[in-house]
Amino acid sequence: MDLSPRLLSPAQAEKCLNVTHSFLYARLLNTGALPSLKIGRLRRIPVSAIDDYIARIAAEQGIVAPLFDSTPMPRNESVAISSQRSRRKASRANAPKVDVP
């Protein structure tokens, strides 16, 4: 059973699309360019709507090759990637500084 989220919060959608909060609401959600659902007071964006939006704007720009792998990354794999980055940053910070003449 796939446990990856099928609905994203607006903050998650902003990160996924790499857009600002105001762009997401003003240009995508309020215009209907990116469909969303209301569950009680919460707004949620289906992952499929984000995929469709990306495909639509890619087609408008003449990009026909797939831009992304639609297979979701397992949660533990994404955590491993971010922890590797953290370790690299930490090792660079602790590395001895060499003065170059």
N, C-alpha and C. Protein backbone atom coordinates (compact mmCIF):
# COMPACT_ATOMS: atom_id res chain seq x y z
N MET A 1 0.84 -1.17 0.00
CA MET A 1 0.00 0.00 0.00
C MET A 1 0.89 1.25 0.00
N ASP A 2 0.58 2.19 -0.87
CA ASP A 2 1.36 3.42 -1.00
C ASP A 2 0.92 4.41 0.08
N LEU A 3 1.84 4.80 0.95
CA LEU A 3 1.52 5.71 2.04
C LEU A 3 1.92 7.16 1.76
N SER A 4 2.38 7.45 0.53
CA SER A 4 2.75 8.83 0.23
C SER A 4 1.48 9.68 0.17
N PRO A 5 1.58 10.94 0.59
CA PRO A 5 0.37 11.78 0.65
C PRO A 5 -0.19 12.06 -0.74
N ARG A 6 -1.51 12.01 -0.82
CA ARG A 6 -2.19 12.32 -2.09
C ARG A 6 -2.71 13.74 -2.09
N LEU A 7 -2.81 14.34 -0.91
CA LEU A 7 -3.23 15.73 -0.78
C LEU A 7 -2.13 16.49 -0.04
N LEU A 8 -1.80 17.67 -0.57
CA LEU A 8 -0.76 18.49 0.04
C LEU A 8 -1.35 19.76 0.62
N SER A 9 -0.74 20.25 1.68
CA SER A 9 -1.13 21.55 2.23
C SER A 9 -0.59 22.62 1.28
N PRO A 10 -1.11 23.84 1.36
CA PRO A 10 -0.56 24.91 0.53
C PRO A 10 0.95 25.11 0.74
N ALA A 11 1.42 24.98 1.98
CA ALA A 11 2.86 25.13 2.24
C ALA A 11 3.67 24.05 1.52
N GLN A 12 3.16 22.82 1.52
CA GLN A 12 3.84 21.74 0.82
C GLN A 12 3.82 21.96 -0.68
N ALA A 13 2.69 22.45 -1.20
CA ALA A 13 2.59 22.73 -2.63
C ALA A 13 3.54 23.85 -3.04
N GLU A 14 3.70 24.86 -2.18
CA GLU A 14 4.65 25.95 -2.45
C GLU A 14 6.06 25.39 -2.61
N LYS A 15 6.44 24.50 -1.71
CA LYS A 15 7.78 23.90 -1.78
C LYS A 15 7.91 23.02 -3.02
N CYS A 16 6.87 22.28 -3.31
CA CYS A 16 6.90 21.37 -4.46
C CYS A 16 7.07 22.15 -5.77
N LEU A 17 6.37 23.27 -5.90
CA LEU A 17 6.43 24.08 -7.12
C LEU A 17 7.49 25.17 -7.06
N ASN A 18 8.11 25.34 -5.89
CA ASN A 18 9.12 26.38 -5.69
C ASN A 18 8.56 27.77 -6.03
N VAL A 19 7.40 28.07 -5.44
CA VAL A 19 6.75 29.37 -5.62
C VAL A 19 6.46 29.97 -4.25
N THR A 20 6.17 31.27 -4.25
CA THR A 20 5.86 31.95 -3.00
C THR A 20 4.40 31.71 -2.61
N HIS A 21 4.10 32.03 -1.36
CA HIS A 21 2.74 31.90 -0.85
C HIS A 21 1.77 32.77 -1.66
N SER A 22 2.16 34.01 -1.91
CA SER A 22 1.25 34.91 -2.64
C SER A 22 1.06 34.46 -4.09
N PHE A 23 2.09 33.92 -4.73
CA PHE A 23 1.94 33.43 -6.10
C PHE A 23 0.99 32.23 -6.13
N LEU A 24 1.16 31.32 -5.16
CA LEU A 24 0.30 30.14 -5.12
C LEU A 24 -1.17 30.54 -5.02
N TYR A 25 -1.47 31.45 -4.10
CA TYR A 25 -2.87 31.85 -3.93
C TYR A 25 -3.36 32.76 -5.04
N ALA A 26 -2.63 33.83 -5.35
CA ALA A 26 -3.11 34.83 -6.30
C ALA A 26 -3.16 34.31 -7.73
N ARG A 27 -2.15 33.57 -8.15
CA ARG A 27 -2.08 33.18 -9.56
C ARG A 27 -2.52 31.76 -9.85
N LEU A 28 -2.46 30.89 -8.85
CA LEU A 28 -2.79 29.50 -9.13
C LEU A 28 -4.11 29.06 -8.51
N LEU A 29 -4.29 29.26 -7.21
CA LEU A 29 -5.51 28.77 -6.56
C LEU A 29 -6.72 29.66 -6.86
N ASN A 30 -6.57 30.97 -6.71
CA ASN A 30 -7.72 31.87 -6.90
C ASN A 30 -8.19 31.96 -8.35
N THR A 31 -7.30 31.69 -9.30
CA THR A 31 -7.69 31.72 -10.72
C THR A 31 -8.19 30.37 -11.21
N GLY A 32 -7.98 29.33 -10.41
CA GLY A 32 -8.41 27.99 -10.82
C GLY A 32 -7.37 27.26 -11.65
N ALA A 33 -6.20 27.86 -11.84
CA ALA A 33 -5.14 27.20 -12.61
C ALA A 33 -4.66 25.94 -11.90
N LEU A 34 -4.76 25.93 -10.59
CA LEU A 34 -4.41 24.76 -9.79
C LEU A 34 -5.60 24.42 -8.90
N PRO A 35 -6.32 23.35 -9.23
CA PRO A 35 -7.50 22.99 -8.43
C PRO A 35 -7.12 22.60 -7.01
N SER A 36 -8.04 22.89 -6.09
CA SER A 36 -7.82 22.52 -4.70
C SER A 36 -9.14 22.11 -4.07
N LEU A 37 -9.03 21.49 -2.91
CA LEU A 37 -10.20 21.03 -2.17
C LEU A 37 -10.25 21.73 -0.82
N LYS A 38 -11.43 21.89 -0.28
CA LYS A 38 -11.59 22.37 1.09
C LYS A 38 -12.10 21.20 1.92
N ILE A 39 -11.37 20.89 2.96
CA ILE A 39 -11.78 19.86 3.91
C ILE A 39 -11.97 20.59 5.23
N GLY A 40 -13.22 20.90 5.54
CA GLY A 40 -13.49 21.76 6.69
C GLY A 40 -12.92 23.14 6.41
N ARG A 41 -12.04 23.62 7.27
CA ARG A 41 -11.39 24.91 7.05
C ARG A 41 -10.07 24.77 6.30
N LEU A 42 -9.62 23.55 6.08
CA LEU A 42 -8.32 23.31 5.48
C LEU A 42 -8.39 23.24 3.96
N ARG A 43 -7.44 23.85 3.29
CA ARG A 43 -7.33 23.75 1.84
C ARG A 43 -6.25 22.73 1.53
N ARG A 44 -6.55 21.83 0.60
CA ARG A 44 -5.60 20.80 0.20
C ARG A 44 -5.53 20.74 -1.32
N ILE A 45 -4.33 20.47 -1.83
CA ILE A 45 -4.09 20.40 -3.27
C ILE A 45 -3.72 18.97 -3.61
N PRO A 46 -4.48 18.33 -4.52
CA PRO A 46 -4.13 16.96 -4.91
C PRO A 46 -2.78 16.92 -5.63
N VAL A 47 -1.99 15.91 -5.36
CA VAL A 47 -0.71 15.74 -6.03
C VAL A 47 -0.93 15.63 -7.54
N SER A 48 -2.01 14.97 -7.94
CA SER A 48 -2.31 14.83 -9.37
C SER A 48 -2.56 16.19 -10.02
N ALA A 49 -3.14 17.14 -9.28
CA ALA A 49 -3.37 18.48 -9.84
C ALA A 49 -2.04 19.20 -10.07
N ILE A 50 -1.08 18.99 -9.18
CA ILE A 50 0.24 19.59 -9.36
C ILE A 50 0.94 18.97 -10.56
N ASP A 51 0.86 17.64 -10.69
CA ASP A 51 1.45 16.97 -11.85
C ASP A 51 0.82 17.46 -13.15
N ASP A 52 -0.52 17.59 -13.16
CA ASP A 52 -1.22 18.09 -14.36
C ASP A 52 -0.82 19.52 -14.68
N TYR A 53 -0.69 20.36 -13.66
CA TYR A 53 -0.29 21.75 -13.86
C TYR A 53 1.10 21.83 -14.48
N ILE A 54 2.04 21.05 -13.95
CA ILE A 54 3.40 21.04 -14.48
C ILE A 54 3.40 20.57 -15.93
N ALA A 55 2.66 19.50 -16.23
CA ALA A 55 2.58 19.00 -17.60
C ALA A 55 1.96 20.03 -18.53
N ARG A 56 0.94 20.73 -18.04
CA ARG A 56 0.25 21.75 -18.86
C ARG A 56 1.18 22.91 -19.19
N ILE A 57 1.90 23.43 -18.20
CA ILE A 57 2.77 24.57 -18.51
C ILE A 57 3.98 24.13 -19.34
N ALA A 58 4.42 22.89 -19.15
CA ALA A 58 5.51 22.37 -19.98
C ALA A 58 5.07 22.27 -21.43
N ALA A 59 3.84 21.78 -21.67
CA ALA A 59 3.31 21.67 -23.03
C ALA A 59 3.15 23.05 -23.66
N GLU A 60 2.71 24.04 -22.87
CA GLU A 60 2.57 25.40 -23.39
C GLU A 60 3.91 25.98 -23.82
N GLN A 61 4.98 25.55 -23.17
CA GLN A 61 6.31 26.04 -23.49
C GLN A 61 7.02 25.15 -24.49
N GLY A 62 6.32 24.14 -25.00
CA GLY A 62 6.88 23.27 -26.02
C GLY A 62 7.81 22.20 -25.50
N ILE A 63 7.74 21.93 -24.21
CA ILE A 63 8.58 20.89 -23.62
C ILE A 63 7.76 19.61 -23.60
N VAL A 64 8.22 18.61 -24.33
CA VAL A 64 7.43 17.38 -24.41
C VAL A 64 8.04 16.23 -23.62
N ALA A 65 9.31 16.32 -23.28
CA ALA A 65 9.93 15.25 -22.49
C ALA A 65 9.41 15.32 -21.06
N PRO A 66 9.29 14.18 -20.39
CA PRO A 66 8.85 14.21 -18.99
C PRO A 66 9.83 15.01 -18.15
N LEU A 67 9.30 15.91 -17.34
CA LEU A 67 10.13 16.77 -16.51
C LEU A 67 10.52 16.10 -15.21
N PHE A 68 9.77 15.10 -14.81
CA PHE A 68 9.99 14.50 -13.51
C PHE A 68 9.55 13.06 -13.56
N ASP A 69 10.03 12.31 -12.61
CA ASP A 69 9.61 10.93 -12.45
C ASP A 69 8.39 10.95 -11.55
N SER A 70 7.25 10.49 -12.06
CA SER A 70 6.02 10.57 -11.28
C SER A 70 5.96 9.54 -10.16
N THR A 71 6.97 8.67 -10.08
CA THR A 71 7.01 7.70 -9.00
C THR A 71 7.44 8.42 -7.72
N PRO A 72 6.61 8.39 -6.67
CA PRO A 72 7.00 9.11 -5.46
C PRO A 72 8.22 8.49 -4.80
N MET A 73 9.07 9.34 -4.24
CA MET A 73 10.26 8.87 -3.53
C MET A 73 9.82 8.34 -2.17
N PRO A 74 10.27 7.16 -1.82
CA PRO A 74 9.91 6.64 -0.49
C PRO A 74 10.38 7.60 0.59
N ARG A 75 9.59 7.72 1.62
CA ARG A 75 9.84 8.69 2.68
C ARG A 75 11.23 8.48 3.31
N ASN A 76 11.62 7.24 3.58
CA ASN A 76 12.91 7.00 4.23
C ASN A 76 14.08 7.38 3.32
N GLU A 77 13.90 7.29 2.00
CA GLU A 77 14.96 7.65 1.06
C GLU A 77 15.19 9.17 1.07
N SER A 78 14.10 9.94 1.12
CA SER A 78 14.25 11.40 1.13
C SER A 78 14.90 11.86 2.43
N VAL A 79 14.62 11.19 3.52
CA VAL A 79 15.25 11.53 4.80
C VAL A 79 16.74 11.22 4.73
N ALA A 80 17.09 10.10 4.09
CA ALA A 80 18.50 9.73 3.97
C ALA A 80 19.25 10.77 3.15
N ILE A 81 18.64 11.28 2.09
CA ILE A 81 19.30 12.29 1.26
C ILE A 81 19.53 13.56 2.06
N SER A 82 18.52 14.02 2.80
CA SER A 82 18.69 15.25 3.57
C SER A 82 19.71 15.07 4.68
N SER A 83 19.79 13.88 5.29
CA SER A 83 20.77 13.69 6.35
C SER A 83 22.18 13.62 5.77
N GLN A 84 22.34 13.11 4.54
CA GLN A 84 23.64 13.11 3.90
C GLN A 84 24.10 14.54 3.66
N ARG A 85 23.19 15.40 3.22
CA ARG A 85 23.52 16.81 3.00
C ARG A 85 23.94 17.46 4.31
N SER A 86 23.22 17.18 5.38
CA SER A 86 23.55 17.75 6.68
C SER A 86 24.94 17.32 7.14
N ARG A 87 25.26 16.04 6.93
CA ARG A 87 26.59 15.55 7.32
C ARG A 87 27.68 16.22 6.50
N ARG A 88 27.44 16.43 5.18
CA ARG A 88 28.43 17.10 4.35
C ARG A 88 28.66 18.52 4.81
N LYS A 89 27.58 19.23 5.12
CA LYS A 89 27.71 20.61 5.59
C LYS A 89 28.49 20.65 6.90
N ALA A 90 28.19 19.72 7.79
CA ALA A 90 28.87 19.68 9.08
C ALA A 90 30.35 19.36 8.90
N SER A 91 30.68 18.46 8.00
CA SER A 91 32.09 18.11 7.80
C SER A 91 32.84 19.28 7.19
N ARG A 92 32.19 20.05 6.30
CA ARG A 92 32.85 21.23 5.74
C ARG A 92 33.07 22.29 6.81
N ALA A 93 32.13 22.44 7.71
CA ALA A 93 32.23 23.45 8.76
C ALA A 93 33.35 23.10 9.74
N ASN A 94 33.57 21.79 9.98
CA ASN A 94 34.59 21.35 10.92
C ASN A 94 35.95 21.13 10.27
N ALA A 95 36.05 21.28 8.97
CA ALA A 95 37.31 21.05 8.27
C ALA A 95 38.31 22.14 8.64
N PRO A 96 39.57 21.77 8.73
CA PRO A 96 40.59 22.78 9.06
C PRO A 96 40.72 23.79 7.92
N LYS A 97 40.93 25.04 8.29
CA LYS A 97 41.06 26.09 7.29
C LYS A 97 42.52 26.19 6.87
N VAL A 98 42.73 26.25 5.58
CA VAL A 98 44.08 26.32 5.03
C VAL A 98 44.27 27.70 4.45
N ASP A 99 45.34 28.38 4.89
CA ASP A 99 45.65 29.69 4.34
C ASP A 99 46.45 29.51 3.07
N VAL A 100 46.00 30.16 2.02
CA VAL A 100 46.70 30.08 0.74
C VAL A 100 47.45 31.40 0.55
N PRO A 101 48.78 31.33 0.28
CA PRO A 101 49.55 32.58 0.14
C PRO A 101 49.19 33.33 -1.12
